[in-house]
Protein backbone atom coordinates (compact mmCIF):
# COMPACT_ATOMS: atom_id res chain seq x y z
CA MET A 1 -71.03 -6.66 2.31
CA SER A 2 -67.49 -5.63 0.66
CA THR A 3 -67.43 -3.34 -2.52
CA ARG A 4 -65.05 -2.38 -5.03
CA GLU A 5 -64.38 0.57 -3.23
CA ASP A 6 -63.07 -1.62 -0.25
CA LEU A 7 -60.97 -3.59 -2.76
CA LYS A 8 -59.35 -0.37 -4.07
CA THR A 9 -58.96 1.03 -0.78
CA ALA A 10 -57.33 -1.92 0.78
CA ILE A 11 -54.97 -2.10 -2.05
CA ILE A 12 -53.73 1.27 -1.80
CA ASN A 13 -53.66 0.87 2.19
CA GLY A 14 -51.36 -2.23 1.59
CA LYS A 15 -53.83 -4.41 3.64
CA ARG A 16 -53.11 -7.64 2.00
CA LYS A 17 -55.26 -9.80 4.57
CA ASP A 18 -58.21 -7.64 3.62
CA VAL A 19 -57.79 -8.00 0.01
CA LYS A 20 -57.69 -11.70 0.42
CA THR A 21 -60.96 -11.67 1.92
CA ILE A 22 -62.70 -8.99 -0.27
CA ILE A 23 -61.98 -10.40 -3.82
CA PRO A 24 -63.78 -13.82 -2.88
CA GLU A 25 -66.75 -12.35 -1.25
CA LEU A 26 -67.09 -9.73 -4.40
CA LEU A 27 -66.70 -12.74 -6.72
CA GLU A 28 -69.08 -14.97 -4.72
CA ALA A 29 -71.44 -12.10 -5.07
CA GLY A 30 -71.42 -12.10 -8.82
CA GLU A 31 -68.81 -9.75 -9.76
CA THR A 32 -66.58 -10.34 -12.59
CA PRO A 33 -62.82 -10.40 -12.42
CA VAL A 34 -62.41 -7.99 -15.21
CA ASP A 35 -64.67 -5.26 -13.41
CA LEU A 36 -62.62 -6.08 -9.98
CA LEU A 37 -59.11 -5.59 -12.00
CA GLU A 38 -60.36 -2.28 -14.43
CA LYS A 39 -62.69 -1.03 -11.59
CA ALA A 40 -61.11 -1.43 -8.49
CA MET A 41 -57.37 -2.68 -8.52
CA ILE A 42 -56.09 -0.63 -11.82
CA PRO A 43 -57.36 2.44 -10.09
CA ALA A 44 -55.95 1.44 -6.80
CA MET A 45 -52.36 1.30 -8.19
CA SER A 46 -52.95 4.24 -10.53
CA ALA A 47 -53.87 6.29 -7.21
CA VAL A 48 -50.44 4.73 -5.49
CA GLY A 49 -48.82 5.81 -8.73
CA GLU A 50 -49.80 9.24 -8.42
CA LYS A 51 -49.34 9.84 -4.73
CA PHE A 52 -45.76 8.69 -5.19
CA LYS A 53 -45.22 11.18 -7.94
CA ASN A 54 -46.31 14.10 -5.68
CA ASN A 55 -44.39 12.77 -2.73
CA GLU A 56 -47.65 12.04 -0.79
CA VAL A 57 -46.04 8.28 -0.26
CA PHE A 58 -42.49 6.68 -0.55
CA VAL A 59 -41.16 3.60 -1.89
CA PRO A 60 -41.63 1.68 1.51
CA GLU A 61 -45.53 2.50 1.24
CA MET A 62 -45.49 1.68 -2.46
CA LEU A 63 -43.66 -1.90 -1.66
CA VAL A 64 -46.77 -2.67 0.61
CA SER A 65 -49.66 -1.47 -1.86
CA ALA A 66 -47.61 -3.69 -4.56
CA ARG A 67 -47.69 -6.67 -2.57
CA ALA A 68 -51.25 -6.30 -1.58
CA MET A 69 -51.82 -6.00 -5.49
CA LYS A 70 -49.93 -8.97 -6.03
CA GLU A 71 -52.11 -10.89 -3.76
CA GLY A 72 -55.35 -9.67 -5.59
CA MET A 73 -53.89 -10.79 -9.02
CA LYS A 74 -52.96 -14.25 -7.76
CA LEU A 75 -56.49 -14.52 -6.62
CA ILE A 76 -58.24 -13.19 -9.81
CA GLU A 77 -55.50 -14.58 -12.58
CA PRO A 78 -57.27 -18.11 -12.66
CA ALA A 79 -60.71 -16.55 -13.14
CA LEU A 80 -59.25 -14.12 -16.16
CA ILE A 81 -57.60 -16.84 -17.64
CA GLU A 82 -60.58 -19.29 -17.46
CA ALA A 83 -62.55 -16.22 -19.03
CA GLY A 84 -60.15 -15.96 -21.75
CA ILE A 85 -59.03 -12.25 -20.82
CA LYS A 86 -55.74 -11.72 -22.29
CA PRO A 87 -53.60 -9.02 -21.32
CA LYS A 88 -53.33 -6.15 -23.90
CA HIS A 89 -49.65 -6.12 -24.01
CA THR A 90 -46.70 -8.46 -23.11
CA ALA A 91 -43.43 -6.58 -21.50
CA ILE A 92 -40.10 -7.54 -20.59
CA ILE A 93 -38.37 -5.92 -17.75
CA GLY A 94 -34.63 -6.65 -16.32
CA THR A 95 -31.91 -4.69 -14.66
CA VAL A 96 -29.23 -4.48 -17.02
CA GLU A 97 -25.62 -6.45 -16.84
CA GLY A 98 -23.46 -5.70 -13.97
CA ASP A 99 -26.33 -4.32 -11.57
CA LEU A 100 -27.87 -6.04 -9.17
CA HIS A 101 -30.46 -3.48 -7.75
CA ASP A 102 -34.14 -4.53 -8.08
CA ILE A 103 -36.42 -2.64 -5.94
CA GLY A 104 -37.24 -0.13 -8.73
CA LYS A 105 -37.37 -2.79 -11.19
CA ASN A 106 -39.72 -4.78 -8.84
CA LEU A 107 -41.88 -1.55 -8.53
CA VAL A 108 -42.31 -0.85 -12.11
CA ALA A 109 -42.95 -4.64 -12.85
CA THR A 110 -45.88 -4.46 -10.53
CA MET A 111 -47.26 -1.12 -11.60
CA TRP A 112 -47.36 -2.72 -15.27
CA LYS A 113 -49.06 -5.73 -14.04
CA GLY A 114 -51.51 -3.60 -12.32
CA ALA A 115 -52.27 -1.73 -15.69
CA GLY A 116 -53.19 -4.85 -17.15
CA PHE A 117 -49.78 -6.09 -18.82
CA GLU A 118 -48.32 -9.53 -19.09
CA VAL A 119 -44.92 -8.99 -17.35
CA ILE A 120 -41.72 -11.30 -18.02
CA ASP A 121 -39.24 -10.00 -15.19
CA LEU A 122 -35.68 -11.35 -16.28
CA GLY A 123 -34.34 -10.18 -12.97
CA VAL A 124 -31.10 -8.32 -12.30
CA ASN A 125 -27.66 -8.62 -14.05
CA VAL A 126 -29.00 -9.45 -17.26
CA PRO A 127 -26.88 -9.59 -20.42
CA PRO A 128 -27.72 -7.93 -23.81
CA ALA A 129 -28.10 -11.71 -25.38
CA GLN A 130 -30.46 -12.50 -22.83
CA PHE A 131 -32.67 -9.47 -23.42
CA VAL A 132 -32.61 -10.31 -27.15
CA ASP A 133 -33.54 -14.08 -26.40
CA ALA A 134 -36.28 -13.21 -24.18
CA ILE A 135 -37.71 -10.90 -27.02
CA LYS A 136 -37.70 -13.69 -29.43
CA THR A 137 -39.62 -15.76 -27.06
CA HIS A 138 -42.12 -13.60 -25.92
CA GLN A 139 -42.27 -10.96 -28.81
CA PRO A 140 -43.34 -8.07 -26.25
CA ALA A 141 -44.74 -4.69 -27.35
CA ILE A 142 -42.06 -3.20 -24.71
CA VAL A 143 -38.90 -3.91 -22.99
CA GLY A 144 -38.08 -1.98 -19.76
CA LEU A 145 -34.31 -1.52 -18.94
CA SER A 146 -33.24 -0.76 -15.22
CA ALA A 147 -30.14 0.64 -13.80
CA LEU A 148 -29.11 2.26 -10.81
CA LEU A 149 -25.43 2.72 -10.66
CA THR A 150 -23.61 5.40 -13.50
CA THR A 151 -21.02 2.51 -13.65
CA THR A 152 -23.64 0.24 -15.71
CA MET A 153 -25.29 2.93 -17.65
CA PRO A 154 -23.19 1.72 -20.76
CA SER A 155 -24.67 -1.76 -20.40
CA MET A 156 -28.09 0.05 -20.93
CA LYS A 157 -26.77 1.49 -24.23
CA THR A 158 -25.07 -1.98 -25.24
CA THR A 159 -28.41 -3.47 -24.62
CA VAL A 160 -30.55 -1.02 -26.75
CA ALA A 161 -27.81 -1.58 -29.56
CA ALA A 162 -28.00 -5.44 -29.37
CA ILE A 163 -31.87 -5.46 -29.75
CA ARG A 164 -31.75 -2.98 -32.57
CA GLU A 165 -29.11 -5.08 -34.15
CA ALA A 166 -31.03 -7.93 -33.72
CA GLY A 167 -33.74 -6.38 -35.91
CA PHE A 168 -36.64 -5.83 -33.44
CA ASP A 169 -37.12 -2.40 -34.59
CA THR A 170 -40.81 -2.52 -33.59
CA VAL A 171 -40.27 -3.32 -29.58
CA LYS A 172 -40.38 -0.10 -27.79
CA ILE A 173 -37.44 0.12 -25.26
CA LEU A 174 -38.20 2.14 -22.17
CA ILE A 175 -35.42 2.94 -19.59
CA GLY A 176 -35.00 4.43 -15.98
CA GLY A 177 -33.23 4.54 -12.92
CA ALA A 178 -31.33 6.72 -10.67
CA PRO A 179 -29.05 8.30 -12.99
CA ILE A 180 -30.96 8.05 -16.22
CA THR A 181 -32.32 10.97 -17.97
CA GLN A 182 -34.52 11.78 -20.78
CA SER A 183 -31.40 13.38 -22.62
CA TYR A 184 -29.59 9.93 -22.07
CA ALA A 185 -32.50 7.91 -23.21
CA ASP A 186 -32.57 10.24 -26.62
CA GLU A 187 -28.60 9.50 -26.65
CA ILE A 188 -28.66 5.74 -26.75
CA GLY A 189 -31.54 5.31 -29.31
CA ALA A 190 -34.37 4.20 -26.42
CA ASP A 191 -37.78 5.12 -26.99
CA GLY A 192 -39.03 6.43 -23.66
CA TYR A 193 -37.93 7.07 -20.11
CA ALA A 194 -39.53 6.70 -16.88
CA GLN A 195 -38.64 8.93 -13.90
CA ASP A 196 -39.68 6.68 -11.11
CA ALA A 197 -42.27 3.81 -10.81
CA GLY A 198 -44.94 6.08 -10.41
CA SER A 199 -44.62 7.60 -13.66
CA ALA A 200 -43.73 3.86 -15.30
CA VAL A 201 -47.19 3.06 -16.49
CA ASP A 202 -47.91 6.64 -18.04
CA ALA A 203 -44.74 6.34 -19.72
CA ALA A 204 -45.25 2.77 -20.92
CA LYS A 205 -48.54 3.72 -22.32
CA ALA A 206 -47.35 6.99 -24.04
CA THR A 207 -44.19 5.04 -25.71
CA LEU A 208 -46.42 2.47 -27.06
CA GLY A 209 -49.35 5.37 -28.15
CA ALA A 210 -51.84 3.73 -25.83
CA ALA A 211 -54.68 5.76 -24.09
């Protein structure tokens, strides 16, 4: 009989087939979807994030774990919805206008989902107006802006300005990407900065003032 620890290990190691077998077993045995999420799946992605921060795993390994987590979420989301369990926070994420890179953004989105956020992913090359429209529609607690190219950093600044000019003063803006620094976040008026996908959950929680 599989255990929560088996599920956690399968996600950490990126064993998607094992995840697809273990979750139905555990649900059949009486485990609740909330317990699987909070006591196995979220801790698994937290462990992967820590390993990434400590250079114990790298992007390929993190992607494999993220895919296993995604498979797991597909299996438990219907049960969570049926039980009336809603995410604690809604987040919007996208790569800013002019930039087509999405690996880092996708990893952050997965880490946020793994931490219990509802994530609306706007994709890449997202103009400021699209972020503003998405905020109007989804009313998120946090918006994540990603950029990999130094040439698209001005787009990030323009997007932050557009969000503020639209009157969304309470929405927290978190930025990240290879050329981004904390000083740049301060300069353009963002609320927070994540150095990498492994730090993104902690950064989001810190920005929101959540535990």
